[in-house]
C-alpha atoms as a PDB file:
ATOM      1  CA  MET A   1       0.000   0.000   0.000  1.00  0.00           C
ATOM      2  CA  THR A   2       1.355   3.417  -0.954  1.00  0.00           C
ATOM      3  CA  PRO A   3       2.070   6.141   1.644  1.00  0.00           C
ATOM      4  CA  GLY A   4      -0.681   8.292   0.139  1.00  0.00           C
ATOM      5  CA  LEU A   5      -3.333   5.639   0.732  1.00  0.00           C
ATOM      6  CA  LEU A   6      -2.014   4.996   4.234  1.00  0.00           C
ATOM      7  CA  TYR A   7      -2.371   8.694   5.012  1.00  0.00           C
ATOM      8  CA  LEU A   8      -5.920   8.600   3.644  1.00  0.00           C
ATOM      9  CA  LEU A   9      -6.851   5.627   5.817  1.00  0.00           C
ATOM     10  CA  ALA A  10      -5.329   7.322   8.857  1.00  0.00           C
ATOM     11  CA  SER A  11      -7.231  10.534   8.145  1.00  0.00           C
ATOM     12  CA  VAL A  12     -10.540   8.668   7.822  1.00  0.00           C
ATOM     13  CA  ALA A  13      -9.824   6.742  11.035  1.00  0.00           C
ATOM     14  CA  CYS A  14      -8.957   9.946  12.954  1.00  0.00           C
ATOM     15  CA  SER A  15     -12.114  11.705  11.747  1.00  0.00           C
ATOM     16  CA  VAL A  16     -14.378   8.850  12.846  1.00  0.00           C
ATOM     17  CA  THR A  17     -12.420   8.538  16.118  1.00  0.00           C
ATOM     18  CA  VAL A  18     -13.423  12.116  16.983  1.00  0.00           C
ATOM     19  CA  ALA A  19     -17.092  11.141  16.603  1.00  0.00           C
ATOM     20  CA  VAL A  20     -16.579   7.942  18.625  1.00  0.00           C
ATOM     21  CA  LEU A  21     -14.931   9.887  21.477  1.00  0.00           C
ATOM     22  CA  LEU A  22     -17.832  12.340  21.511  1.00  0.00           C
ATOM     23  CA  LYS A  23     -20.257   9.408  21.521  1.00  0.00           C
ATOM     24  CA  LEU A  24     -18.498   7.832  24.503  1.00  0.00           C
ATOM     25  CA  ALA A  25     -18.238  11.108  26.423  1.00  0.00           C
ATOM     26  CA  ARG A  26     -21.717  10.802  27.909  1.00  0.00           C
ATOM     27  CA  ARG A  27     -21.209   7.148  28.847  1.00  0.00           C
ATOM     28  CA  TRP A  28     -17.956   8.022  30.611  1.00  0.00           C
ATOM     29  CA  ARG A  29     -19.476  11.204  32.111  1.00  0.00           C
ATOM     30  CA  ILE A  30     -16.941  13.473  30.451  1.00  0.00           C
ATOM     31  CA  ASP A  31     -17.448  17.241  30.532  1.00  0.00           C
ATOM     32  CA  VAL A  32     -17.328  17.879  26.782  1.00  0.00           C
ATOM     33  CA  GLY A  33     -16.687  21.600  27.301  1.00  0.00           C
ATOM     34  CA  GLN A  34     -13.483  20.946  29.257  1.00  0.00           C
ATOM     35  CA  ALA A  35     -12.415  18.296  26.749  1.00  0.00           C
ATOM     36  CA  ILE A  36     -12.921  20.641  23.794  1.00  0.00           C
ATOM     37  CA  ALA A  37     -10.958  23.422  25.506  1.00  0.00           C
ATOM     38  CA  MET A  38      -8.045  21.041  26.116  1.00  0.00           C
ATOM     39  CA  ASN A  39      -8.373  19.764  22.556  1.00  0.00           C
ATOM     40  CA  TYR A  40      -7.501  23.213  21.170  1.00  0.00           C
ATOM     41  CA  LEU A  41      -4.437  23.537  23.391  1.00  0.00           C
ATOM     42  CA  VAL A  42      -3.176  20.151  22.154  1.00  0.00           C
ATOM     43  CA  ALA A  43      -4.044  20.949  18.526  1.00  0.00           C
ATOM     44  CA  ALA A  44      -2.289  24.335  18.710  1.00  0.00           C
ATOM     45  CA  LEU A  45       0.876  22.817  20.211  1.00  0.00           C
ATOM     46  CA  LEU A  46       0.936  20.064  17.589  1.00  0.00           C
ATOM     47  CA  CYS A  47       0.304  22.564  14.800  1.00  0.00           C
ATOM     48  CA  TRP A  48       3.257  24.652  15.986  1.00  0.00           C
ATOM     49  CA  ALA A  49       5.550  21.645  16.438  1.00  0.00           C
ATOM     50  CA  VAL A  50       4.653  19.701  13.281  1.00  0.00           C
ATOM     51  CA  LEU A  51       3.583  22.217  10.637  1.00  0.00           C
ATOM     52  CA  ARG A  52       6.129  24.861  11.690  1.00  0.00           C
ATOM     53  CA  PRO A  53       4.164  28.005  10.727  1.00  0.00           C
ATOM     54  CA  ASP A  54       6.161  31.106   9.827  1.00  0.00           C
ATOM     55  CA  ALA A  55       6.240  33.120  13.044  1.00  0.00           C
ATOM     56  CA  ALA A  56       6.930  36.394  11.215  1.00  0.00           C
ATOM     57  CA  GLY A  57       3.970  35.891   8.909  1.00  0.00           C
ATOM     58  CA  LEU A  58       1.463  35.292  11.701  1.00  0.00           C
ATOM     59  CA  LEU A  59       1.086  38.999  12.469  1.00  0.00           C
ATOM     60  CA  ALA A  60       1.446  40.317   8.912  1.00  0.00           C
ATOM     61  CA  PRO A  61      -0.725  43.311   7.898  1.00  0.00           C
ATOM     62  CA  ARG A  62      -2.745  41.124   5.517  1.00  0.00           C
ATOM     63  CA  THR A  63      -3.846  38.787   8.319  1.00  0.00           C
ATOM     64  CA  PRO A  64      -7.693  38.691   8.165  1.00  0.00           C
ATOM     65  CA  TRP A  65      -8.431  39.141  11.853  1.00  0.00           C
ATOM     66  CA  LEU A  66     -12.208  39.313  11.435  1.00  0.00           C
ATOM     67  CA  VAL A  67     -12.182  35.959   9.639  1.00  0.00           C
ATOM     68  CA  LEU A  68      -9.917  34.474  12.311  1.00  0.00           C
ATOM     69  CA  ALA A  69     -12.145  35.846  15.072  1.00  0.00           C
ATOM     70  CA  ALA A  70     -15.177  34.264  13.403  1.00  0.00           C
ATOM     71  CA  LEU A  71     -13.295  30.962  13.166  1.00  0.00           C
ATOM     72  CA  GLY A  72     -12.323  31.238  16.814  1.00  0.00           C
ATOM     73  CA  VAL A  73     -16.006  31.472  17.768  1.00  0.00           C
ATOM     74  CA  LEU A  74     -17.327  28.925  15.266  1.00  0.00           C
ATOM     75  CA  LEU A  75     -14.759  26.149  15.769  1.00  0.00           C
ATOM     76  CA  PRO A  76     -15.635  25.375  19.414  1.00  0.00           C
ATOM     77  CA  SER A  77     -19.328  26.164  18.859  1.00  0.00           C
ATOM     78  CA  VAL A  78     -19.608  23.647  16.024  1.00  0.00           C
ATOM     79  CA  PHE A  79     -17.544  21.131  18.004  1.00  0.00           C
ATOM     80  CA  LEU A  80     -20.118  21.402  20.812  1.00  0.00           C
ATOM     81  CA  ALA A  81     -22.910  21.045  18.238  1.00  0.00           C
ATOM     82  CA  MET A  82     -21.173  17.926  16.881  1.00  0.00           C
ATOM     83  CA  ALA A  83     -21.119  16.466  20.389  1.00  0.00           C
ATOM     84  CA  GLN A  84     -24.872  17.045  20.704  1.00  0.00           C
ATOM     85  CA  ALA A  85     -25.511  15.669  17.211  1.00  0.00           C
ATOM     86  CA  VAL A  86     -23.587  12.473  17.967  1.00  0.00           C
ATOM     87  CA  ARG A  87     -25.485  12.109  21.244  1.00  0.00           C
ATOM     88  CA  HIS A  88     -28.970  12.623  19.819  1.00  0.00           C
ATOM     89  CA  ALA A  89     -28.697  11.543  16.167  1.00  0.00           C
ATOM     90  CA  GLY A  90     -25.742   9.139  16.273  1.00  0.00           C
ATOM     91  CA  ILE A  91     -22.386   8.860  14.557  1.00  0.00           C
ATOM     92  CA  VAL A  92     -23.817   7.839  11.178  1.00  0.00           C
ATOM     93  CA  ARG A  93     -25.923  10.894  10.519  1.00  0.00           C
ATOM     94  CA  SER A  94     -23.578  13.333  12.262  1.00  0.00           C
ATOM     95  CA  ASP A  95     -20.554  12.294  10.184  1.00  0.00           C
ATOM     96  CA  ALA A  96     -22.621  12.324   6.996  1.00  0.00           C
ATOM     97  CA  ALA A  97     -23.962  15.811   7.791  1.00  0.00           C
ATOM     98  CA  GLN A  98     -20.427  17.054   8.423  1.00  0.00           C
ATOM     99  CA  ARG A  99     -19.211  15.675   5.085  1.00  0.00           C
ATOM    100  CA  LEU A 100     -22.193  17.110   3.184  1.00  0.00           C
ATOM    101  CA  SER A 101     -21.230  20.562   4.517  1.00  0.00           C
ATOM    102  CA  LEU A 102     -18.689  20.741   1.664  1.00  0.00           C
ATOM    103  CA  PHE A 103     -21.591  21.731  -0.588  1.00  0.00           C
ATOM    104  CA  ILE A 104     -22.202  24.992   1.300  1.00  0.00           C
ATOM    105  CA  PRO A 105     -18.990  26.588  -0.077  1.00  0.00           C
ATOM    106  CA  LEU A 106     -20.120  25.381  -3.503  1.00  0.00           C
ATOM    107  CA  LEU A 107     -23.437  27.221  -3.106  1.00  0.00           C
ATOM    108  CA  ALA A 108     -21.559  30.280  -1.829  1.00  0.00           C
ATOM    109  CA  ALA A 109     -19.356  30.198  -4.932  1.00  0.00           C
ATOM    110  CA  PHE A 110     -22.463  30.312  -7.122  1.00  0.00           C
ATOM    111  CA  LEU A 111     -24.482  32.827  -5.125  1.00  0.00           C
ATOM    112  CA  LEU A 112     -21.859  35.119  -3.551  1.00  0.00           C
ATOM    113  CA  PHE A 113     -18.690  34.926  -5.619  1.00  0.00           C
ATOM    114  CA  GLY A 114     -20.123  34.746  -9.128  1.00  0.00           C
ATOM    115  CA  GLU A 115     -18.725  31.348 -10.120  1.00  0.00           C
ATOM    116  CA  PRO A 116     -20.673  29.956 -13.113  1.00  0.00           C
ATOM    117  CA  PRO A 117     -22.509  26.737 -12.206  1.00  0.00           C
ATOM    118  CA  SER A 118     -21.917  23.574 -14.222  1.00  0.00           C
ATOM    119  CA  ALA A 119     -24.340  20.703 -14.818  1.00  0.00           C
ATOM    120  CA  ARG A 120     -22.121  18.367 -12.786  1.00  0.00           C
ATOM    121  CA  LYS A 121     -21.935  20.694  -9.791  1.00  0.00           C
ATOM    122  CA  LEU A 122     -25.634  21.432  -9.888  1.00  0.00           C
ATOM    123  CA  GLY A 123     -26.375  17.703 -10.063  1.00  0.00           C
ATOM    124  CA  ALA A 124     -24.075  17.018  -7.116  1.00  0.00           C
ATOM    125  CA  THR A 125     -25.730  19.803  -5.116  1.00  0.00           C
ATOM    126  CA  LEU A 126     -29.205  18.396  -5.786  1.00  0.00           C
ATOM    127  CA  LEU A 127     -28.059  14.928  -4.724  1.00  0.00           C
ATOM    128  CA  ALA A 128     -26.549  16.421  -1.559  1.00  0.00           C
ATOM    129  CA  ALA A 129     -29.810  18.238  -0.775  1.00  0.00           C
ATOM    130  CA  GLY A 130     -31.733  14.979  -1.188  1.00  0.00           C
ATOM    131  CA  ALA A 131     -29.200  13.163   1.000  1.00  0.00           C
ATOM    132  CA  LEU A 132     -29.498  15.769   3.728  1.00  0.00           C
ATOM    133  CA  TYR A 133     -33.293  15.537   3.685  1.00  0.00           C
ATOM    134  CA  CYS A 134     -33.188  11.741   3.991  1.00  0.00           C
ATOM    135  CA  LEU A 135     -30.579  11.831   6.746  1.00  0.00           C
ATOM    136  CA  LEU A 136     -32.358  14.430   8.844  1.00  0.00           C
ATOM    137  CA  ARG A 137     -35.721  12.712   8.808  1.00  0.00           C
ATOM    138  CA  ARG A 138     -36.869  11.815  12.298  1.00  0.00           C
ATOM    139  CA  ALA A 139     -35.290   8.636  13.638  1.00  0.00           C
ATOM    140  CA  PRO A 140     -37.261   5.791  15.225  1.00  0.00           C
ATOM    141  CA  PRO A 141     -38.370   6.477  18.831  1.00  0.00           C
ATOM    142  CA  ALA A 142     -35.563   4.303  20.242  1.00  0.00           C
ATOM    143  CA  ALA A 143     -32.997   6.763  18.887  1.00  0.00           C
ATOM    144  CA  GLU A 144     -34.566   9.737  20.630  1.00  0.00           C
ATOM    145  CA  ASP A 145     -32.519  10.676  23.629  1.00  0.00           C
ATOM    146  CA  GLY A 146     -32.763  13.453  26.146  1.00  0.00           C
ATOM    147  CA  PRO A 147     -34.512  16.829  26.037  1.00  0.00           C
ATOM    148  CA  GLY A 148     -35.989  17.749  22.692  1.00  0.00           C
ATOM    149  CA  GLY A 149     -36.596  14.137  21.658  1.00  0.00           C
ATOM    150  CA  GLY A 150     -37.106  13.785  17.939  1.00  0.00           C
ATOM    151  CA  ARG A 151     -36.397  17.452  17.216  1.00  0.00           C
ATOM    152  CA  ALA A 152     -32.822  17.083  18.464  1.00  0.00           C
ATOM    153  CA  THR A 153     -32.206  14.204  16.038  1.00  0.00           C
ATOM    154  CA  TRP A 154     -32.399  16.574  13.061  1.00  0.00           C
ATOM    155  CA  LEU A 155     -31.701  19.995  14.595  1.00  0.00           C
ATOM    156  CA  TRP A 156     -28.154  19.246  15.804  1.00  0.00           C
ATOM    157  CA  PRO A 157     -26.977  17.526  12.568  1.00  0.00           C
ATOM    158  CA  LEU A 158     -28.392  20.514  10.672  1.00  0.00           C
ATOM    159  CA  ALA A 159     -26.354  22.837  12.916  1.00  0.00           C
ATOM    160  CA  VAL A 160     -23.264  20.706  12.204  1.00  0.00           C
ATOM    161  CA  TRP A 161     -23.932  20.905   8.454  1.00  0.00           C
ATOM    162  CA  LEU A 162     -24.328  24.695   8.510  1.00  0.00           C
ATOM    163  CA  GLY A 163     -21.464  25.290  10.930  1.00  0.00           C
ATOM    164  CA  TYR A 164     -18.820  23.250   9.144  1.00  0.00           C
ATOM    165  CA  GLY A 165     -19.940  24.719   5.823  1.00  0.00           C
ATOM    166  CA  VAL A 166     -19.421  28.275   7.071  1.00  0.00           C
ATOM    167  CA  ILE A 167     -16.051  27.273   8.579  1.00  0.00           C
ATOM    168  CA  ASP A 168     -14.987  25.946   5.176  1.00  0.00           C
ATOM    169  CA  ILE A 169     -15.965  29.275   3.565  1.00  0.00           C
ATOM    170  CA  LEU A 170     -13.980  31.196   6.201  1.00  0.00           C
ATOM    171  CA  PHE A 171     -10.861  29.067   5.607  1.00  0.00           C
ATOM    172  CA  LYS A 172     -11.203  29.727   1.866  1.00  0.00           C
ATOM    173  CA  GLN A 173     -11.503  33.461   2.549  1.00  0.00           C
ATOM    174  CA  MET A 174      -8.398  33.257   4.708  1.00  0.00           C
ATOM    175  CA  ALA A 175      -6.522  31.603   1.828  1.00  0.00           C
ATOM    176  CA  ARG A 176      -7.727  34.318  -0.567  1.00  0.00           C
ATOM    177  CA  ALA A 177      -6.268  36.929   1.800  1.00  0.00           C
ATOM    178  CA  GLY A 178      -2.878  35.263   1.364  1.00  0.00           C
ATOM    179  CA  THR A 179      -2.625  33.801   4.869  1.00  0.00           C
ATOM    180  CA  ALA A 180      -0.504  30.647   4.960  1.00  0.00           C
ATOM    181  CA  PHE A 181      -2.573  27.618   5.947  1.00  0.00           C
ATOM    182  CA  ALA A 182      -0.376  26.544   8.878  1.00  0.00           C
ATOM    183  CA  GLY A 183      -0.252  30.027  10.375  1.00  0.00           C
ATOM    184  CA  GLY A 184      -3.956  30.644   9.934  1.00  0.00           C
ATOM    185  CA  LEU A 185      -4.806  27.259  11.431  1.00  0.00           C
ATOM    186  CA  LEU A 186      -2.589  27.918  14.452  1.00  0.00           C
ATOM    187  CA  LEU A 187      -4.144  31.338  15.077  1.00  0.00           C
ATOM    188  CA  ALA A 188      -7.655  29.876  14.733  1.00  0.00           C
ATOM    189  CA  PHE A 189      -6.810  27.139  17.265  1.00  0.00           C
ATOM    190  CA  VAL A 190      -5.315  29.659  19.705  1.00  0.00           C
ATOM    191  CA  ILE A 191      -8.304  32.015  19.495  1.00  0.00           C
ATOM    192  CA  ALA A 192     -10.753  29.112  19.892  1.00  0.00           C
ATOM    193  CA  GLY A 193      -8.805  27.811  22.894  1.00  0.00           C
ATOM    194  CA  LEU A 194      -8.649  31.237  24.562  1.00  0.00           C
ATOM    195  CA  LEU A 195     -12.385  31.757  24.103  1.00  0.00           C
ATOM    196  CA  MET A 196     -13.126  28.344  25.604  1.00  0.00           C
ATOM    197  CA  LEU A 197     -10.773  29.112  28.508  1.00  0.00           C
ATOM    198  CA  ALA A 198     -12.507  32.455  29.125  1.00  0.00           C
ATOM    199  CA  PHE A 199     -15.891  30.720  29.044  1.00  0.00           C
ATOM    200  CA  HIS A 200     -14.809  28.207  31.678  1.00  0.00           C
ATOM    201  CA  LEU A 201     -13.204  30.885  33.863  1.00  0.00           C
ATOM    202  CA  LEU A 202     -16.428  32.888  33.830  1.00  0.00           C
ATOM    203  CA  ARG A 203     -18.340  29.740  34.812  1.00  0.00           C
ATOM    204  CA  ARG A 204     -15.725  28.999  37.481  1.00  0.00           C
ATOM    205  CA  THR A 205     -15.399  25.512  36.105  1.00  0.00           C
ATOM    206  CA  ARG A 206     -13.835  22.951  38.381  1.00  0.00           C
ATOM    207  CA  TRP A 207     -11.194  21.342  36.192  1.00  0.00           C
ATOM    208  CA  GLU A 208     -10.740  17.588  36.493  1.00  0.00           C
ATOM    209  CA  ALA A 209      -7.896  15.467  35.170  1.00  0.00           C
ATOM    210  CA  ARG A 210     -10.112  12.883  33.455  1.00  0.00           C
ATOM    211  CA  HIS A 211     -11.937  15.548  31.419  1.00  0.00           C
ATOM    212  CA  LEU A 212      -8.604  17.067  30.381  1.00  0.00           C
ATOM    213  CA  ALA A 213      -7.230  13.616  29.491  1.00  0.00           C
ATOM    214  CA  ALA A 214     -10.241  13.106  27.227  1.00  0.00           C
ATOM    215  CA  GLY A 215      -9.408  16.464  25.677  1.00  0.00           C
ATOM    216  CA  VAL A 216      -5.866  15.310  24.936  1.00  0.00           C
ATOM    217  CA  ALA A 217      -7.241  12.265  23.105  1.00  0.00           C
ATOM    218  CA  LEU A 218      -9.697  14.485  21.244  1.00  0.00           C
ATOM    219  CA  GLY A 219      -6.946  16.917  20.260  1.00  0.00           C
ATOM    220  CA  LEU A 220      -4.683  14.125  19.007  1.00  0.00           C
ATOM    221  CA  ALA A 221      -7.469  12.706  16.828  1.00  0.00           C
ATOM    222  CA  ASN A 222      -8.589  16.140  15.641  1.00  0.00           C
ATOM    223  CA  PHE A 223      -5.109  17.288  14.609  1.00  0.00           C
ATOM    224  CA  GLY A 224      -4.251  13.808  13.304  1.00  0.00           C
ATOM    225  CA  ASN A 225      -7.179  14.074  10.899  1.00  0.00           C
ATOM    226  CA  ILE A 226      -5.938  17.433   9.578  1.00  0.00           C
ATOM    227  CA  LEU A 227      -2.277  16.406   9.354  1.00  0.00           C
ATOM    228  CA  THR A 228      -2.826  13.096   7.579  1.00  0.00           C
ATOM    229  CA  TYR A 229      -5.251  14.720   5.118  1.00  0.00           C
ATOM    230  CA  ILE A 230      -2.568  17.294   4.241  1.00  0.00           C
ATOM    231  CA  ARG A 231       0.049  14.547   3.919  1.00  0.00           C
ATOM    232  CA  ALA A 232      -2.276  12.531   1.655  1.00  0.00           C
ATOM    233  CA  HIS A 233      -2.539  15.487  -0.728  1.00  0.00           C
ATOM    234  CA  GLN A 234       1.240  15.933  -0.615  1.00  0.00           C
ATOM    235  CA  ALA A 235       1.839  12.236  -1.291  1.00  0.00           C
ATOM    236  CA  LEU A 236      -0.703  12.162  -4.149  1.00  0.00           C
ATOM    237  CA  PRO A 237      -0.260  15.590  -5.790  1.00  0.00           C
ATOM    238  CA  GLU A 238      -1.500  14.357  -9.172  1.00  0.00           C
ATOM    239  CA  HIS A 239      -4.673  12.790  -7.750  1.00  0.00           C
ATOM    240  CA  PRO A 240      -6.548  15.477  -5.781  1.00  0.00           C
ATOM    241  CA  ALA A 241      -9.897  13.947  -6.797  1.00  0.00           C
ATOM    242  CA  LEU A 242      -8.894  10.593  -5.325  1.00  0.00           C
ATOM    243  CA  VAL A 243      -7.959  12.221  -2.012  1.00  0.00           C
ATOM    244  CA  PHE A 244     -11.115  14.348  -1.916  1.00  0.00           C
ATOM    245  CA  ALA A 245     -13.543  11.559  -2.781  1.00  0.00           C
ATOM    246  CA  SER A 246     -11.807   8.838  -0.761  1.00  0.00           C
ATOM    247  CA  MET A 247     -11.634  10.970   2.368  1.00  0.00           C
ATOM    248  CA  ASN A 248     -15.295  12.002   2.351  1.00  0.00           C
ATOM    249  CA  MET A 249     -16.663   8.638   1.206  1.00  0.00           C
ATOM    250  CA  GLY A 250     -14.398   6.841   3.672  1.00  0.00           C
ATOM    251  CA  VAL A 251     -15.694   8.860   6.628  1.00  0.00           C
ATOM    252  CA  VAL A 252     -19.342   8.343   5.632  1.00  0.00           C
ATOM    253  CA  THR A 253     -18.805   4.608   5.089  1.00  0.00           C
ATOM    254  CA  LEU A 254     -16.715   3.930   8.205  1.00  0.00           C
ATOM    255  CA  GLY A 255     -18.975   6.142  10.305  1.00  0.00           C
ATOM    256  CA  THR A 256     -21.975   4.125   9.110  1.00  0.00           C
ATOM    257  CA  LEU A 257     -20.288   0.821   9.956  1.00  0.00           C
ATOM    258  CA  VAL A 258     -19.109   1.966  13.399  1.00  0.00           C
ATOM    259  CA  GLY A 259     -22.428   3.580  14.286  1.00  0.00           C
ATOM    260  CA  ALA A 260     -24.563   0.658  13.129  1.00  0.00           C
ATOM    261  CA  LEU A 261     -22.370  -2.206  14.319  1.00  0.00           C
ATOM    262  CA  ALA A 262     -20.609  -0.876  17.419  1.00  0.00           C
ATOM    263  CA  PHE A 263     -23.347   1.383  18.809  1.00  0.00           C
ATOM    264  CA  ARG A 264     -26.450  -0.253  17.311  1.00  0.00           C
ATOM    265  CA  GLU A 265     -27.725   3.048  15.935  1.00  0.00           C
ATOM    266  CA  PRO A 266     -31.146   2.539  14.322  1.00  0.00           C
ATOM    267  CA  LEU A 267     -31.389   3.637  10.677  1.00  0.00           C
ATOM    268  CA  SER A 268     -34.538   3.768   8.617  1.00  0.00           C
ATOM    269  CA  ARG A 269     -34.621   2.903   4.927  1.00  0.00           C
ATOM    270  CA  LEU A 270     -34.853   6.619   4.205  1.00  0.00           C
ATOM    271  CA  ASN A 271     -31.683   7.236   6.246  1.00  0.00           C
ATOM    272  CA  LEU A 272     -29.882   4.497   4.299  1.00  0.00           C
ATOM    273  CA  LEU A 273     -31.032   6.105   1.052  1.00  0.00           C
ATOM    274  CA  GLY A 274     -29.542   9.347   2.367  1.00  0.00           C
ATOM    275  CA  ILE A 275     -26.177   7.626   2.900  1.00  0.00           C
ATOM    276  CA  ALA A 276     -26.264   6.310  -0.689  1.00  0.00           C
ATOM    277  CA  LEU A 277     -27.176   9.754  -2.070  1.00  0.00           C
ATOM    278  CA  ALA A 278     -24.389  11.353  -0.020  1.00  0.00           C
ATOM    279  CA  LEU A 279     -21.813   8.964  -1.477  1.00  0.00           C
ATOM    280  CA  ALA A 280     -23.138   9.604  -4.997  1.00  0.00           C
ATOM    281  CA  ALA A 281     -22.974  13.387  -4.467  1.00  0.00           C
ATOM    282  CA  ILE A 282     -19.364  13.176  -3.246  1.00  0.00           C
ATOM    283  CA  VAL A 283     -18.327  11.091  -6.256  1.00  0.00           C
ATOM    284  CA  LEU A 284     -20.051  13.508  -8.654  1.00  0.00           C
ATOM    285  CA  MET A 285     -18.545  16.532  -6.903  1.00  0.00           C
ATOM    286  CA  ALA A 286     -14.947  15.265  -7.024  1.00  0.00           C
ATOM    287  CA  PRO A 287     -12.911  17.244  -9.600  1.00  0.00           C
ATOM    288  CA  TRP A 288     -12.065  14.262 -11.795  1.00  0.00           C
END
């Protein structure tokens, strides 16, 4: 197996591991807020140590601080929404909703940035819309958990879909401003971590080692997903479509297997149709 494919497999595994850790957080009585705060400290340290961002370029005049501030707010907010989505709707639908968020930047390109639509992209967008509808349909009563019942099973995945889509747009705007990816990512992690720290200080949170240890695991998986995805693109520079499609399809497929087999998440036929439509939309969207 080539290094590129190994990186892809590792990236898929890390992405699904994040969802699994969030799924287990309630069972292990982990304070997700503390874990997410620690996650950003770990991710920032790893970003600095591994990606080696240019220190001089971090505070350059062209740095889009408003975009970075928005990322700093959205990153932990969407992470918390993902935790709620995994709790109420399960790994399968939460991971699929996150992967379908890639179509929000596509819509923004059409509607906000004047990019001409193509038949292929429009077809992929329609498939993605159908997939999202099928995935967000109310789950069987056994899947309803906690306050909000059935409403939570579609509301939180929808928040994940919207949130990650907007985050993707913000990262693209950051790239347009000329900010290096490593430096921008580090600043976004630092701002997100500081905001989470301020939130916990205001709440006078009582920090506990087991919650912070869970955050270390979450940060390792979170940054591992980003790093191995970057390395996969570097190892397969002539096959960006393969990396794009394999990553997104791999997460949807593995997330479905883990959710259904390991956690016995109930899926209706309509939900399964949504998974199939999501995979078809990703294949059609890939820039072959």
